[in-house]
N, C-alpha and C. Protein backbone atom coordinates (compact mmCIF):
# COMPACT_ATOMS: atom_id res chain seq x y z
N MET A 1 -18.71 -44.40 -17.91
CA MET A 1 -19.02 -42.77 -17.37
C MET A 1 -20.63 -42.82 -16.95
N LYS A 2 -21.66 -43.37 -16.48
CA LYS A 2 -22.16 -43.54 -15.27
C LYS A 2 -21.32 -43.71 -13.50
N ARG A 3 -20.48 -44.60 -13.99
CA ARG A 3 -19.92 -45.34 -12.82
C ARG A 3 -18.90 -43.81 -12.25
N LEU A 4 -18.52 -43.01 -13.54
CA LEU A 4 -17.75 -42.57 -12.99
C LEU A 4 -18.24 -40.97 -12.28
N ILE A 5 -19.08 -40.84 -12.93
CA ILE A 5 -20.17 -39.69 -12.15
C ILE A 5 -20.51 -39.92 -10.73
N ALA A 6 -20.84 -41.37 -10.84
CA ALA A 6 -21.60 -41.45 -9.57
C ALA A 6 -20.47 -42.07 -8.54
N VAL A 7 -19.41 -42.47 -8.62
CA VAL A 7 -17.84 -42.07 -7.85
C VAL A 7 -17.43 -40.63 -7.53
N THR A 8 -17.33 -39.63 -8.87
CA THR A 8 -17.18 -38.29 -8.39
C THR A 8 -18.05 -37.59 -7.20
N VAL A 9 -19.59 -38.00 -7.58
CA VAL A 9 -20.41 -37.59 -7.07
C VAL A 9 -20.32 -37.79 -5.39
N ALA A 10 -20.30 -39.33 -5.01
CA ALA A 10 -20.00 -39.70 -3.89
C ALA A 10 -18.59 -39.25 -3.26
N LEU A 11 -17.56 -38.83 -4.07
CA LEU A 11 -16.46 -38.66 -3.51
C LEU A 11 -16.36 -36.98 -3.33
N THR A 12 -16.93 -36.22 -3.28
CA THR A 12 -17.69 -34.62 -3.13
C THR A 12 -18.26 -34.58 -2.32
N ALA A 13 -19.42 -35.57 -2.00
CA ALA A 13 -20.56 -35.82 -0.99
C ALA A 13 -19.56 -35.99 0.48
N LEU A 14 -18.41 -36.73 0.50
CA LEU A 14 -17.55 -37.31 1.53
C LEU A 14 -16.83 -36.20 1.91
N ALA A 15 -16.27 -35.69 1.28
CA ALA A 15 -15.03 -34.51 1.38
C ALA A 15 -15.42 -33.38 2.13
N GLY A 16 -16.77 -32.71 1.86
CA GLY A 16 -17.14 -31.60 2.65
C GLY A 16 -17.37 -32.17 3.92
N PRO A 17 -17.58 -33.38 4.77
CA PRO A 17 -17.54 -33.69 5.94
C PRO A 17 -16.60 -33.65 6.28
N LEU A 18 -15.49 -34.18 5.15
CA LEU A 18 -14.41 -34.59 5.41
C LEU A 18 -13.90 -33.37 6.20
N HIS A 19 -13.79 -32.25 5.58
CA HIS A 19 -13.29 -31.44 5.64
C HIS A 19 -13.34 -30.26 6.50
N ALA A 20 -14.52 -30.58 7.03
CA ALA A 20 -15.27 -29.61 8.33
C ALA A 20 -14.52 -30.04 9.57
N VAL A 21 -14.22 -31.65 9.66
CA VAL A 21 -13.95 -32.18 10.75
C VAL A 21 -12.62 -31.78 10.69
N TYR A 22 -11.40 -31.73 10.04
CA TYR A 22 -9.66 -31.06 9.58
C TYR A 22 -9.99 -29.74 10.39
N ALA A 23 -11.02 -29.26 9.71
CA ALA A 23 -11.22 -27.39 9.85
C ALA A 23 -11.84 -26.86 11.52
N LYS A 24 -12.30 -27.75 11.92
CA LYS A 24 -12.45 -27.22 13.23
C LYS A 24 -11.74 -27.24 13.81
N ASP A 25 -10.02 -27.16 13.97
CA ASP A 25 -8.80 -26.82 14.90
C ASP A 25 -8.92 -25.89 14.97
N LYS A 26 -9.48 -24.97 13.66
CA LYS A 26 -8.57 -23.72 13.78
C LYS A 26 -10.59 -22.51 13.96
N THR A 27 -10.44 -21.52 14.65
CA THR A 27 -11.95 -20.77 14.37
C THR A 27 -11.77 -20.10 13.73
N PRO A 28 -12.91 -19.06 12.77
CA PRO A 28 -12.81 -18.38 11.93
C PRO A 28 -12.00 -17.22 11.67
N LEU A 29 -12.34 -16.37 13.33
CA LEU A 29 -11.26 -15.64 13.43
C LEU A 29 -9.93 -16.07 13.18
N GLN A 30 -9.61 -16.99 13.37
CA GLN A 30 -7.79 -17.71 13.21
C GLN A 30 -7.65 -17.80 11.40
N VAL A 31 -8.61 -18.53 10.86
CA VAL A 31 -8.57 -18.44 9.02
C VAL A 31 -8.14 -16.87 9.25
N GLU A 32 -9.20 -15.58 9.11
CA GLU A 32 -9.12 -14.56 8.76
C GLU A 32 -7.63 -14.10 8.94
N ASP A 33 -7.55 -14.14 10.12
CA ASP A 33 -6.00 -13.59 10.40
C ASP A 33 -5.18 -14.50 9.68
N GLU A 34 -4.82 -15.66 9.35
CA GLU A 34 -3.94 -16.33 8.44
C GLU A 34 -3.99 -15.69 7.26
N GLN A 35 -5.27 -15.86 6.49
CA GLN A 35 -5.29 -15.11 5.73
C GLN A 35 -5.16 -13.68 5.53
N ARG A 36 -5.00 -12.90 6.10
CA ARG A 36 -4.88 -11.34 6.04
C ARG A 36 -2.82 -11.36 6.19
N ALA A 37 -2.60 -12.28 6.95
CA ALA A 37 -1.24 -12.11 7.27
C ALA A 37 -0.65 -12.98 5.41
N LYS A 38 -0.99 -14.06 5.21
CA LYS A 38 -0.56 -14.04 3.99
C LYS A 38 -0.93 -13.04 2.90
N GLU A 39 -1.97 -12.14 2.96
CA GLU A 39 -2.24 -11.15 1.83
C GLU A 39 -1.08 -9.82 2.13
N ARG A 40 -0.54 -9.39 3.68
CA ARG A 40 0.05 -8.86 4.20
C ARG A 40 1.65 -9.20 3.49
N ALA A 41 2.09 -10.29 3.25
CA ALA A 41 3.42 -10.69 3.31
C ALA A 41 3.28 -10.60 1.20
N LEU A 42 2.23 -10.92 0.73
CA LEU A 42 2.17 -10.47 -0.51
C LEU A 42 2.19 -9.40 -0.67
N ILE A 43 1.84 -8.69 -0.46
CA ILE A 43 1.62 -6.75 -0.92
C ILE A 43 3.28 -6.61 -0.85
N GLN A 44 3.76 -7.18 0.84
CA GLN A 44 5.13 -6.59 0.93
C GLN A 44 6.17 -7.40 -0.07
N LYS A 45 5.92 -7.96 -0.41
CA LYS A 45 6.90 -9.10 -1.31
C LYS A 45 6.98 -8.10 -2.81
N GLN A 46 5.21 -7.93 -3.26
CA GLN A 46 5.31 -6.86 -4.45
C GLN A 46 6.14 -5.08 -4.17
N TYR A 47 5.53 -4.84 -3.25
CA TYR A 47 6.34 -3.68 -2.61
C TYR A 47 7.47 -3.72 -3.00
N ASP A 48 8.94 -4.65 -2.49
CA ASP A 48 9.54 -4.61 -2.29
C ASP A 48 10.56 -4.88 -3.84
N THR A 49 8.73 -5.61 -4.15
CA THR A 49 9.82 -6.12 -5.82
C THR A 49 10.16 -4.71 -6.69
N ALA A 50 9.17 -3.83 -5.85
CA ALA A 50 9.12 -2.55 -7.07
C ALA A 50 10.23 -1.81 -6.39
N LEU A 51 10.11 -1.54 -5.67
CA LEU A 51 11.27 -0.42 -5.13
C LEU A 51 12.56 -0.99 -5.54
N GLN A 52 12.55 -2.55 -5.86
CA GLN A 52 14.12 -2.66 -7.20
C GLN A 52 14.37 -3.04 -8.31
N LYS A 53 13.00 -2.16 -8.80
CA LYS A 53 13.03 -2.63 -9.97
C LYS A 53 13.22 -0.63 -10.56
N THR A 54 13.16 0.48 -9.33
CA THR A 54 12.84 1.71 -9.27
C THR A 54 14.32 2.39 -9.15
N ASP A 55 14.74 3.21 -9.94
CA ASP A 55 15.91 3.63 -9.86
C ASP A 55 16.28 5.23 -9.31
N ARG A 56 16.59 4.53 -8.09
CA ARG A 56 16.57 5.72 -7.02
C ARG A 56 17.46 6.93 -7.34
N SER A 57 18.05 6.92 -8.39
CA SER A 57 18.65 8.31 -8.79
C SER A 57 17.82 9.05 -9.61
N ALA A 58 17.03 8.57 -10.82
CA ALA A 58 15.84 9.21 -11.12
C ALA A 58 14.75 10.30 -10.14
N ALA A 59 14.81 9.53 -9.35
CA ALA A 59 13.66 9.53 -8.86
C ALA A 59 13.82 10.75 -8.05
N VAL A 60 15.33 11.51 -8.05
CA VAL A 60 15.02 12.66 -7.18
C VAL A 60 15.20 13.76 -8.35
N PRO A 61 14.80 15.01 -8.47
CA PRO A 61 14.53 16.25 -9.99
C PRO A 61 15.59 16.52 -9.05
N ALA A 62 16.38 17.25 -10.10
CA ALA A 62 17.31 17.78 -10.26
C ALA A 62 16.62 19.45 -9.97
N VAL A 63 17.45 20.02 -9.23
CA VAL A 63 17.07 21.65 -7.88
C VAL A 63 17.67 22.54 -9.18
N ASN A 64 16.67 22.73 -10.08
CA ASN A 64 17.20 24.28 -10.72
C ASN A 64 16.25 25.52 -10.54
N ASP A 65 17.30 26.86 -10.76
CA ASP A 65 16.28 28.08 -10.58
C ASP A 65 16.25 28.57 -12.00
N PRO A 66 14.70 28.40 -12.36
CA PRO A 66 14.39 28.68 -13.48
C PRO A 66 14.32 30.51 -14.38
N TRP A 67 14.88 31.20 -13.17
CA TRP A 67 15.04 32.25 -13.26
C TRP A 67 16.53 33.07 -13.09
N ALA A 68 17.07 31.98 -13.47
CA ALA A 68 18.63 32.46 -13.05
C ALA A 68 19.28 33.11 -14.22
N ASN A 69 18.89 33.23 -15.99
CA ASN A 69 19.45 33.86 -16.48
C ASN A 69 18.38 34.70 -17.11
N MET A 70 17.33 35.19 -16.07
CA MET A 70 16.77 36.60 -16.00
C MET A 70 17.50 37.39 -14.98
N ARG A 71 18.42 37.30 -14.34
CA ARG A 71 18.59 38.64 -12.78
C ARG A 71 20.22 38.63 -13.65
N GLY A 72 20.05 40.14 -13.19
CA GLY A 72 21.33 40.91 -13.72
C GLY A 72 22.39 39.71 -13.04
N SER A 73 23.83 40.89 -13.58
CA SER A 73 25.27 39.91 -12.90
C SER A 73 24.96 40.28 -11.26
N ASN A 74 24.67 42.02 -10.98
CA ASN A 74 25.07 42.66 -9.82
C ASN A 74 23.73 42.53 -8.80
N ASP A 75 22.87 41.44 -9.04
CA ASP A 75 21.15 40.94 -8.61
C ASP A 75 21.54 40.03 -7.91
N ALA A 76 21.55 40.36 -6.51
CA ALA A 76 22.14 39.15 -5.43
C ALA A 76 20.97 38.60 -4.90
N LYS A 77 21.22 37.43 -4.68
CA LYS A 77 20.63 36.65 -3.27
C LYS A 77 19.98 36.71 -2.35
N SER A 78 20.24 37.77 -1.55
CA SER A 78 21.33 38.04 -0.40
C SER A 78 19.55 38.54 0.37
N ASN A 79 19.58 38.76 1.55
CA ASN A 79 18.65 39.30 2.03
C ASN A 79 19.07 40.67 2.91
N SER A 80 19.91 41.09 2.73
CA SER A 80 20.52 42.44 3.45
C SER A 80 19.53 43.37 3.12
N LYS A 81 19.60 44.49 3.88
CA LYS A 81 18.59 45.45 3.60
C LYS A 81 19.77 46.15 2.40
N PRO A 82 19.18 47.39 1.75
CA PRO A 82 20.34 48.14 0.83
C PRO A 82 20.72 49.27 2.01
N LYS A 83 21.52 49.69 1.49
CA LYS A 83 22.33 51.00 2.57
C LYS A 83 21.49 51.82 2.22
N ARG A 84 21.38 53.11 2.96
CA ARG A 84 20.72 54.05 2.53
C ARG A 84 22.16 55.60 3.14
């Protein structure tokens, strides 16, 4: 058990500098830009999935006139002025 712990600690100690050698190829700004691009792609994918799940015919409300039954038969919706 002690050997396993010692090997794990040794590998962890070597992994940090080894990772740093390969990570020098990119600047922190490049790494941040790549991460933002991945986040944008993920958000776009989630947005597209949500759009596909929505029912577009139900999204447009029906236009109705709530006062239609209150008007008389001769009341017109015209903009013309009454004759004198």
